[in-house]
Amino acid sequence: MEPKKRVQAVPLRGAGAVEAQAAPSGKVRRPINMNHYVTKKTAAQSMLDIAQLKTVLYVGPGYRFYIALIVLQVAVLHLL
C-alpha cells in the first residue's frame, strides 16, 4: 500500500486571498469564487431572457400569449 501524499498549502496574494491547495501533481486548486460564479450566472440568465423576448417579438402579435409574455419578460429584465 502506497503512503498518502501530503497536500501543500500555497499562499495567494491580494486582499482577502484564501490559501489554495497544491495537489501532489503540482497543480494549484483554488476554491470557487462564488462572486464570480454568481456574476456569470446572472449575465447568462439575462442573455437568455433577452433571447426569449426577441423570439416573442419575432413571432408577432398573432401569438395567443403575446402581450402576457412581453409583459413578463420585461418585468424579469427590470428586476435584474
PDB file of N, CA and C in Angstrom:
ATOM      1  N   MET A   1       0.848  -1.177   0.000  1.00  0.00           N
ATOM      2  CA  MET A   1       0.000   0.000   0.000  1.00  0.00           C
ATOM      3  C   MET A   1       0.895   1.242   0.000  1.00  0.00           C
ATOM      4  N   GLU A   2       0.550   2.180  -0.847  1.00  0.00           N
ATOM      5  CA  GLU A   2       1.347   3.391  -1.005  1.00  0.00           C
ATOM      6  C   GLU A   2       0.959   4.427   0.049  1.00  0.00           C
ATOM      7  N   PRO A   3       1.928   5.104   0.647  1.00  0.00           N
ATOM      8  CA  PRO A   3       1.572   6.137   1.642  1.00  0.00           C
ATOM      9  C   PRO A   3       0.900   7.322   0.962  1.00  0.00           C
ATOM     10  N   LYS A   4       0.002   7.991   1.695  1.00  0.00           N
ATOM     11  CA  LYS A   4      -0.698   9.153   1.156  1.00  0.00           C
ATOM     12  C   LYS A   4       0.267  10.314   0.994  1.00  0.00           C
ATOM     13  N   LYS A   5       0.088  11.034  -0.121  1.00  0.00           N
ATOM     14  CA  LYS A   5       0.920  12.209  -0.354  1.00  0.00           C
ATOM     15  C   LYS A   5       0.279  13.398   0.337  1.00  0.00           C
ATOM     16  N   ARG A   6       1.098  14.237   0.909  1.00  0.00           N
ATOM     17  CA  ARG A   6       0.590  15.402   1.637  1.00  0.00           C
ATOM     18  C   ARG A   6       0.264  16.520   0.665  1.00  0.00           C
ATOM     19  N   VAL A   7      -0.784  17.248   0.969  1.00  0.00           N
ATOM     20  CA  VAL A   7      -1.172  18.409   0.169  1.00  0.00           C
ATOM     21  C   VAL A   7      -0.536  19.632   0.794  1.00  0.00           C
ATOM     22  N   GLN A   8       0.102  20.433  -0.029  1.00  0.00           N
ATOM     23  CA  GLN A   8       0.819  21.608   0.460  1.00  0.00           C
ATOM     24  C   GLN A   8      -0.019  22.862   0.227  1.00  0.00           C
ATOM     25  N   ALA A   9      -0.150  23.727   1.243  1.00  0.00           N
ATOM     26  CA  ALA A   9      -0.890  24.983   1.109  1.00  0.00           C
ATOM     27  C   ALA A   9      -0.006  26.014   0.429  1.00  0.00           C
ATOM     28  N   VAL A  10      -0.576  26.708  -0.555  1.00  0.00           N
ATOM     29  CA  VAL A  10       0.151  27.741  -1.287  1.00  0.00           C
ATOM     30  C   VAL A  10      -0.504  29.078  -0.973  1.00  0.00           C
ATOM     31  N   PRO A  11       0.205  30.028  -0.349  1.00  0.00           N
ATOM     32  CA  PRO A  11      -0.408  31.324  -0.054  1.00  0.00           C
ATOM     33  C   PRO A  11      -0.638  32.125  -1.327  1.00  0.00           C
ATOM     34  N   LEU A  12      -1.771  32.803  -1.394  1.00  0.00           N
ATOM     35  CA  LEU A  12      -2.091  33.670  -2.526  1.00  0.00           C
ATOM     36  C   LEU A  12      -1.862  35.115  -2.134  1.00  0.00           C
ATOM     37  N   ARG A  13      -1.708  35.943  -3.135  1.00  0.00           N
ATOM     38  CA  ARG A  13      -1.505  37.367  -2.859  1.00  0.00           C
ATOM     39  C   ARG A  13      -2.818  38.111  -3.032  1.00  0.00           C
ATOM     40  N   GLY A  14      -2.922  39.274  -2.417  1.00  0.00           N
ATOM     41  CA  GLY A  14      -4.104  40.109  -2.582  1.00  0.00           C
ATOM     42  C   GLY A  14      -4.960  40.106  -1.336  1.00  0.00           C
ATOM     43  N   ALA A  15      -5.800  41.123  -1.263  1.00  0.00           N
ATOM     44  CA  ALA A  15      -6.676  41.267  -0.101  1.00  0.00           C
ATOM     45  C   ALA A  15      -7.728  40.174  -0.115  1.00  0.00           C
ATOM     46  N   GLY A  16      -7.946  39.592   1.018  1.00  0.00           N
ATOM     47  CA  GLY A  16      -8.978  38.569   1.142  1.00  0.00           C
ATOM     48  C   GLY A  16      -8.620  37.260   0.461  1.00  0.00           C
ATOM     49  N   ALA A  17      -7.349  37.057   0.162  1.00  0.00           N
ATOM     50  CA  ALA A  17      -6.936  35.839  -0.512  1.00  0.00           C
ATOM     51  C   ALA A  17      -7.085  34.647   0.426  1.00  0.00           C
ATOM     52  N   VAL A  18      -7.479  33.560  -0.137  1.00  0.00           N
ATOM     53  CA  VAL A  18      -7.624  32.326   0.607  1.00  0.00           C
ATOM     54  C   VAL A  18      -6.519  31.394   0.137  1.00  0.00           C
ATOM     55  N   GLU A  19      -5.984  30.623   1.045  1.00  0.00           N
ATOM     56  CA  GLU A  19      -4.927  29.705   0.644  1.00  0.00           C
ATOM     57  C   GLU A  19      -5.479  28.670  -0.324  1.00  0.00           C
ATOM     58  N   ALA A  20      -4.708  28.418  -1.366  1.00  0.00           N
ATOM     59  CA  ALA A  20      -5.081  27.395  -2.330  1.00  0.00           C
ATOM     60  C   ALA A  20      -4.371  26.101  -1.963  1.00  0.00           C
ATOM     61  N   GLN A  21      -4.902  25.011  -2.412  1.00  0.00           N
ATOM     62  CA  GLN A  21      -4.298  23.716  -2.131  1.00  0.00           C
ATOM     63  C   GLN A  21      -3.513  23.255  -3.352  1.00  0.00           C
ATOM     64  N   ALA A  22      -2.253  22.886  -3.147  1.00  0.00           N
ATOM     65  CA  ALA A  22      -1.431  22.351  -4.225  1.00  0.00           C
ATOM     66  C   ALA A  22      -1.555  20.840  -4.196  1.00  0.00           C
ATOM     67  N   ALA A  23      -1.992  20.275  -5.295  1.00  0.00           N
ATOM     68  CA  ALA A  23      -2.126  18.833  -5.392  1.00  0.00           C
ATOM     69  C   ALA A  23      -0.744  18.210  -5.563  1.00  0.00           C
ATOM     70  N   PRO A  24      -0.630  16.910  -5.315  1.00  0.00           N
ATOM     71  CA  PRO A  24       0.664  16.246  -5.492  1.00  0.00           C
ATOM     72  C   PRO A  24       1.227  16.405  -6.910  1.00  0.00           C
ATOM     73  N   SER A  25       0.344  16.590  -7.892  1.00  0.00           N
ATOM     74  CA  SER A  25       0.809  16.754  -9.267  1.00  0.00           C
ATOM     75  C   SER A  25       1.428  18.130  -9.496  1.00  0.00           C
ATOM     76  N   GLY A  26       1.271  19.037  -8.516  1.00  0.00           N
ATOM     77  CA  GLY A  26       1.837  20.372  -8.652  1.00  0.00           C
ATOM     78  C   GLY A  26       0.817  21.422  -9.068  1.00  0.00           C
ATOM     79  N   LYS A  27      -0.368  20.991  -9.478  1.00  0.00           N
ATOM     80  CA  LYS A  27      -1.411  21.938  -9.870  1.00  0.00           C
ATOM     81  C   LYS A  27      -2.010  22.579  -8.629  1.00  0.00           C
ATOM     82  N   VAL A  28      -2.342  23.853  -8.735  1.00  0.00           N
ATOM     83  CA  VAL A  28      -2.929  24.568  -7.606  1.00  0.00           C
ATOM     84  C   VAL A  28      -4.447  24.533  -7.746  1.00  0.00           C
ATOM     85  N   ARG A  29      -5.115  24.101  -6.681  1.00  0.00           N
ATOM     86  CA  ARG A  29      -6.581  24.067  -6.676  1.00  0.00           C
ATOM     87  C   ARG A  29      -7.076  25.237  -5.849  1.00  0.00           C
ATOM     88  N   ARG A  30      -7.743  26.167  -6.481  1.00  0.00           N
ATOM     89  CA  ARG A  30      -8.285  27.317  -5.767  1.00  0.00           C
ATOM     90  C   ARG A  30      -9.754  27.065  -5.448  1.00  0.00           C
ATOM     91  N   PRO A  31     -10.234  27.582  -4.337  1.00  0.00           N
ATOM     92  CA  PRO A  31     -11.658  27.438  -4.026  1.00  0.00           C
ATOM     93  C   PRO A  31     -12.492  28.234  -5.033  1.00  0.00           C
ATOM     94  N   ILE A  32     -13.747  27.838  -5.192  1.00  0.00           N
ATOM     95  CA  ILE A  32     -14.635  28.513  -6.131  1.00  0.00           C
ATOM     96  C   ILE A  32     -14.891  29.933  -5.651  1.00  0.00           C
ATOM     97  N   ASN A  33     -14.726  30.882  -6.542  1.00  0.00           N
ATOM     98  CA  ASN A  33     -15.043  32.276  -6.242  1.00  0.00           C
ATOM     99  C   ASN A  33     -16.535  32.452  -6.489  1.00  0.00           C
ATOM    100  N   MET A  34     -17.342  32.443  -5.430  1.00  0.00           N
ATOM    101  CA  MET A  34     -18.796  32.493  -5.585  1.00  0.00           C
ATOM    102  C   MET A  34     -19.262  33.792  -6.224  1.00  0.00           C
ATOM    103  N   ASN A  35     -18.572  34.893  -5.960  1.00  0.00           N
ATOM    104  CA  ASN A  35     -18.964  36.160  -6.556  1.00  0.00           C
ATOM    105  C   ASN A  35     -18.822  36.094  -8.072  1.00  0.00           C
ATOM    106  N   HIS A  36     -17.726  35.510  -8.556  1.00  0.00           N
ATOM    107  CA  HIS A  36     -17.504  35.370  -9.998  1.00  0.00           C
ATOM    108  C   HIS A  36     -18.558  34.444 -10.601  1.00  0.00           C
ATOM    109  N   TYR A  37     -18.862  33.344  -9.913  1.00  0.00           N
ATOM    110  CA  TYR A  37     -19.862  32.391 -10.375  1.00  0.00           C
ATOM    111  C   TYR A  37     -21.236  33.047 -10.497  1.00  0.00           C
ATOM    112  N   VAL A  38     -21.637  33.792  -9.480  1.00  0.00           N
ATOM    113  CA  VAL A  38     -22.953  34.439  -9.481  1.00  0.00           C
ATOM    114  C   VAL A  38     -23.029  35.488 -10.589  1.00  0.00           C
ATOM    115  N   THR A  39     -21.950  36.223 -10.794  1.00  0.00           N
ATOM    116  CA  THR A  39     -21.932  37.234 -11.851  1.00  0.00           C
ATOM    117  C   THR A  39     -22.113  36.588 -13.217  1.00  0.00           C
ATOM    118  N   LYS A  40     -21.400  35.498 -13.470  1.00  0.00           N
ATOM    119  CA  LYS A  40     -21.529  34.814 -14.752  1.00  0.00           C
ATOM    120  C   LYS A  40     -22.925  34.224 -14.926  1.00  0.00           C
ATOM    121  N   LYS A  41     -23.479  33.687 -13.863  1.00  0.00           N
ATOM    122  CA  LYS A  41     -24.808  33.093 -13.921  1.00  0.00           C
ATOM    123  C   LYS A  41     -25.863  34.161 -14.216  1.00  0.00           C
ATOM    124  N   THR A  42     -25.758  35.310 -13.569  1.00  0.00           N
ATOM    125  CA  THR A  42     -26.706  36.394 -13.797  1.00  0.00           C
ATOM    126  C   THR A  42     -26.616  36.912 -15.223  1.00  0.00           C
ATOM    127  N   ALA A  43     -25.399  37.054 -15.739  1.00  0.00           N
ATOM    128  CA  ALA A  43     -25.224  37.508 -17.120  1.00  0.00           C
ATOM    129  C   ALA A  43     -25.824  36.508 -18.101  1.00  0.00           C
ATOM    130  N   ALA A  44     -25.628  35.232 -17.851  1.00  0.00           N
ATOM    131  CA  ALA A  44     -26.182  34.203 -18.733  1.00  0.00           C
ATOM    132  C   ALA A  44     -27.711  34.215 -18.695  1.00  0.00           C
ATOM    133  N   GLN A  45     -28.278  34.384 -17.512  1.00  0.00           N
ATOM    134  CA  GLN A  45     -29.737  34.446 -17.406  1.00  0.00           C
ATOM    135  C   GLN A  45     -30.289  35.663 -18.139  1.00  0.00           C
ATOM    136  N   SER A  46     -29.601  36.790 -18.045  1.00  0.00           N
ATOM    137  CA  SER A  46     -30.047  38.000 -18.737  1.00  0.00           C
ATOM    138  C   SER A  46     -30.022  37.806 -20.242  1.00  0.00           C
ATOM    139  N   MET A  47     -28.961  37.177 -20.745  1.00  0.00           N
ATOM    140  CA  MET A  47     -28.883  36.923 -22.188  1.00  0.00           C
ATOM    141  C   MET A  47     -29.988  35.986 -22.641  1.00  0.00           C
ATOM    142  N   LEU A  48     -30.303  34.993 -21.823  1.00  0.00           N
ATOM    143  CA  LEU A  48     -31.392  34.080 -22.162  1.00  0.00           C
ATOM    144  C   LEU A  48     -32.731  34.813 -22.162  1.00  0.00           C
ATOM    145  N   ASP A  49     -32.958  35.685 -21.197  1.00  0.00           N
ATOM    146  CA  ASP A  49     -34.200  36.454 -21.140  1.00  0.00           C
ATOM    147  C   ASP A  49     -34.342  37.356 -22.361  1.00  0.00           C
ATOM    148  N   ILE A  50     -33.249  37.980 -22.778  1.00  0.00           N
ATOM    149  CA  ILE A  50     -33.291  38.845 -23.962  1.00  0.00           C
ATOM    150  C   ILE A  50     -33.580  38.014 -25.205  1.00  0.00           C
ATOM    151  N   ALA A  51     -32.980  36.825 -25.304  1.00  0.00           N
ATOM    152  CA  ALA A  51     -33.236  35.947 -26.450  1.00  0.00           C
ATOM    153  C   ALA A  51     -34.700  35.515 -26.485  1.00  0.00           C
ATOM    154  N   GLN A  52     -35.270  35.222 -25.320  1.00  0.00           N
ATOM    155  CA  GLN A  52     -36.683  34.843 -25.278  1.00  0.00           C
ATOM    156  C   GLN A  52     -37.574  36.008 -25.692  1.00  0.00           C
ATOM    157  N   LEU A  53     -37.244  37.222 -25.245  1.00  0.00           N
ATOM    158  CA  LEU A  53     -38.025  38.392 -25.623  1.00  0.00           C
ATOM    159  C   LEU A  53     -37.936  38.631 -27.126  1.00  0.00           C
ATOM    160  N   LYS A  54     -36.737  38.477 -27.690  1.00  0.00           N
ATOM    161  CA  LYS A  54     -36.571  38.637 -29.138  1.00  0.00           C
ATOM    162  C   LYS A  54     -37.400  37.604 -29.901  1.00  0.00           C
ATOM    163  N   THR A  55     -37.457  36.380 -29.378  1.00  0.00           N
ATOM    164  CA  THR A  55     -38.245  35.332 -30.034  1.00  0.00           C
ATOM    165  C   THR A  55     -39.731  35.685 -30.015  1.00  0.00           C
ATOM    166  N   VAL A  56     -40.216  36.156 -28.886  1.00  0.00           N
ATOM    167  CA  VAL A  56     -41.630  36.531 -28.793  1.00  0.00           C
ATOM    168  C   VAL A  56     -41.928  37.683 -29.748  1.00  0.00           C
ATOM    169  N   LEU A  57     -41.049  38.664 -29.814  1.00  0.00           N
ATOM    170  CA  LEU A  57     -41.257  39.787 -30.730  1.00  0.00           C
ATOM    171  C   LEU A  57     -41.204  39.327 -32.185  1.00  0.00           C
ATOM    172  N   TYR A  58     -40.364  38.346 -32.482  1.00  0.00           N
ATOM    173  CA  TYR A  58     -40.254  37.824 -33.835  1.00  0.00           C
ATOM    174  C   TYR A  58     -41.525  37.086 -34.248  1.00  0.00           C
ATOM    175  N   VAL A  59     -42.129  36.326 -33.319  1.00  0.00           N
ATOM    176  CA  VAL A  59     -43.350  35.571 -33.621  1.00  0.00           C
ATOM    177  C   VAL A  59     -44.479  36.527 -33.958  1.00  0.00           C
ATOM    178  N   GLY A  60     -44.545  37.622 -33.238  1.00  0.00           N
ATOM    179  CA  GLY A  60     -45.537  38.651 -33.555  1.00  0.00           C
ATOM    180  C   GLY A  60     -46.804  38.555 -32.740  1.00  0.00           C
ATOM    181  N   PRO A  61     -47.669  39.558 -32.924  1.00  0.00           N
ATOM    182  CA  PRO A  61     -48.894  39.648 -32.115  1.00  0.00           C
ATOM    183  C   PRO A  61     -49.938  38.577 -32.431  1.00  0.00           C
ATOM    184  N   GLY A  62     -49.708  37.755 -33.412  1.00  0.00           N
ATOM    185  CA  GLY A  62     -50.645  36.680 -33.718  1.00  0.00           C
ATOM    186  C   GLY A  62     -50.599  35.562 -32.686  1.00  0.00           C
ATOM    187  N   TYR A  63     -49.564  35.533 -31.864  1.00  0.00           N
ATOM    188  CA  TYR A  63     -49.423  34.501 -30.840  1.00  0.00           C
ATOM    189  C   TYR A  63     -50.410  34.775 -29.710  1.00  0.00           C
ATOM    190  N   ARG A  64     -51.000  33.717 -29.181  1.00  0.00           N
ATOM    191  CA  ARG A  64     -52.071  33.827 -28.191  1.00  0.00           C
ATOM    192  C   ARG A  64     -51.648  34.586 -26.930  1.00  0.00           C
ATOM    193  N   PHE A  65     -50.435  34.351 -26.441  1.00  0.00           N
ATOM    194  CA  PHE A  65     -49.979  34.959 -25.189  1.00  0.00           C
ATOM    195  C   PHE A  65     -48.948  36.059 -25.439  1.00  0.00           C
ATOM    196  N   TYR A  66     -49.023  36.717 -26.554  1.00  0.00           N
ATOM    197  CA  TYR A  66     -48.027  37.709 -26.966  1.00  0.00           C
ATOM    198  C   TYR A  66     -47.839  38.815 -25.923  1.00  0.00           C
ATOM    199  N   ILE A  67     -48.900  39.495 -25.555  1.00  0.00           N
ATOM    200  CA  ILE A  67     -48.813  40.617 -24.605  1.00  0.00           C
ATOM    201  C   ILE A  67     -48.350  40.132 -23.230  1.00  0.00           C
ATOM    202  N   ALA A  68     -48.917  39.025 -22.773  1.00  0.00           N
ATOM    203  CA  ALA A  68     -48.548  38.497 -21.454  1.00  0.00           C
ATOM    204  C   ALA A  68     -47.062  38.145 -21.401  1.00  0.00           C
ATOM    205  N   LEU A  69     -46.541  37.502 -22.441  1.00  0.00           N
ATOM    206  CA  LEU A  69     -45.127  37.138 -22.457  1.00  0.00           C
ATOM    207  C   LEU A  69     -44.226  38.365 -22.505  1.00  0.00           C
ATOM    208  N   ILE A  70     -44.612  39.366 -23.258  1.00  0.00           N
ATOM    209  CA  ILE A  70     -43.801  40.587 -23.319  1.00  0.00           C
ATOM    210  C   ILE A  70     -43.776  41.265 -21.947  1.00  0.00           C
ATOM    211  N   VAL A  71     -44.938  41.366 -21.321  1.00  0.00           N
ATOM    212  CA  VAL A  71     -45.007  41.997 -20.001  1.00  0.00           C
ATOM    213  C   VAL A  71     -44.151  41.225 -18.994  1.00  0.00           C
ATOM    214  N   LEU A  72     -44.245  39.903 -18.984  1.00  0.00           N
ATOM    215  CA  LEU A  72     -43.471  39.093 -18.048  1.00  0.00           C
ATOM    216  C   LEU A  72     -41.965  39.189 -18.315  1.00  0.00           C
ATOM    217  N   GLN A  73     -41.565  39.163 -19.577  1.00  0.00           N
ATOM    218  CA  GLN A  73     -40.139  39.234 -19.906  1.00  0.00           C
ATOM    219  C   GLN A  73     -39.565  40.598 -19.535  1.00  0.00           C
ATOM    220  N   VAL A  74     -40.307  41.664 -19.781  1.00  0.00           N
ATOM    221  CA  VAL A  74     -39.833  42.994 -19.414  1.00  0.00           C
ATOM    222  C   VAL A  74     -39.740  43.125 -17.891  1.00  0.00           C
ATOM    223  N   ALA A  75     -40.705  42.534 -17.173  1.00  0.00           N
ATOM    224  CA  ALA A  75     -40.661  42.572 -15.715  1.00  0.00           C
ATOM    225  C   ALA A  75     -39.446  41.826 -15.183  1.00  0.00           C
ATOM    226  N   VAL A  76     -39.150  40.681 -15.767  1.00  0.00           N
ATOM    227  CA  VAL A  76     -37.973  39.896 -15.344  1.00  0.00           C
ATOM    228  C   VAL A  76     -36.699  40.679 -15.610  1.00  0.00           C
ATOM    229  N   LEU A  77     -36.581  41.297 -16.773  1.00  0.00           N
ATOM    230  CA  LEU A  77     -35.391  42.086 -17.090  1.00  0.00           C
ATOM    231  C   LEU A  77     -35.272  43.305 -16.187  1.00  0.00           C
ATOM    232  N   HIS A  78     -36.405  43.871 -15.824  1.00  0.00           N
ATOM    233  CA  HIS A  78     -36.381  45.038 -14.943  1.00  0.00           C
ATOM    234  C   HIS A  78     -35.927  44.658 -13.531  1.00  0.00           C
ATOM    235  N   LEU A  79     -36.285  43.464 -13.072  1.00  0.00           N
ATOM    236  CA  LEU A  79     -35.908  43.026 -11.727  1.00  0.00           C
ATOM    237  C   LEU A  79     -34.436  42.676 -11.624  1.00  0.00           C
ATOM    238  N   LEU A  80     -33.799  42.358 -12.733  1.00  0.00           N
ATOM    239  CA  LEU A  80     -32.370  42.036 -12.683  1.00  0.00           C
ATOM    240  C   LEU A  80     -31.630  43.330 -12.563  1.00  0.00           C
TER     241      LEU A  80
END
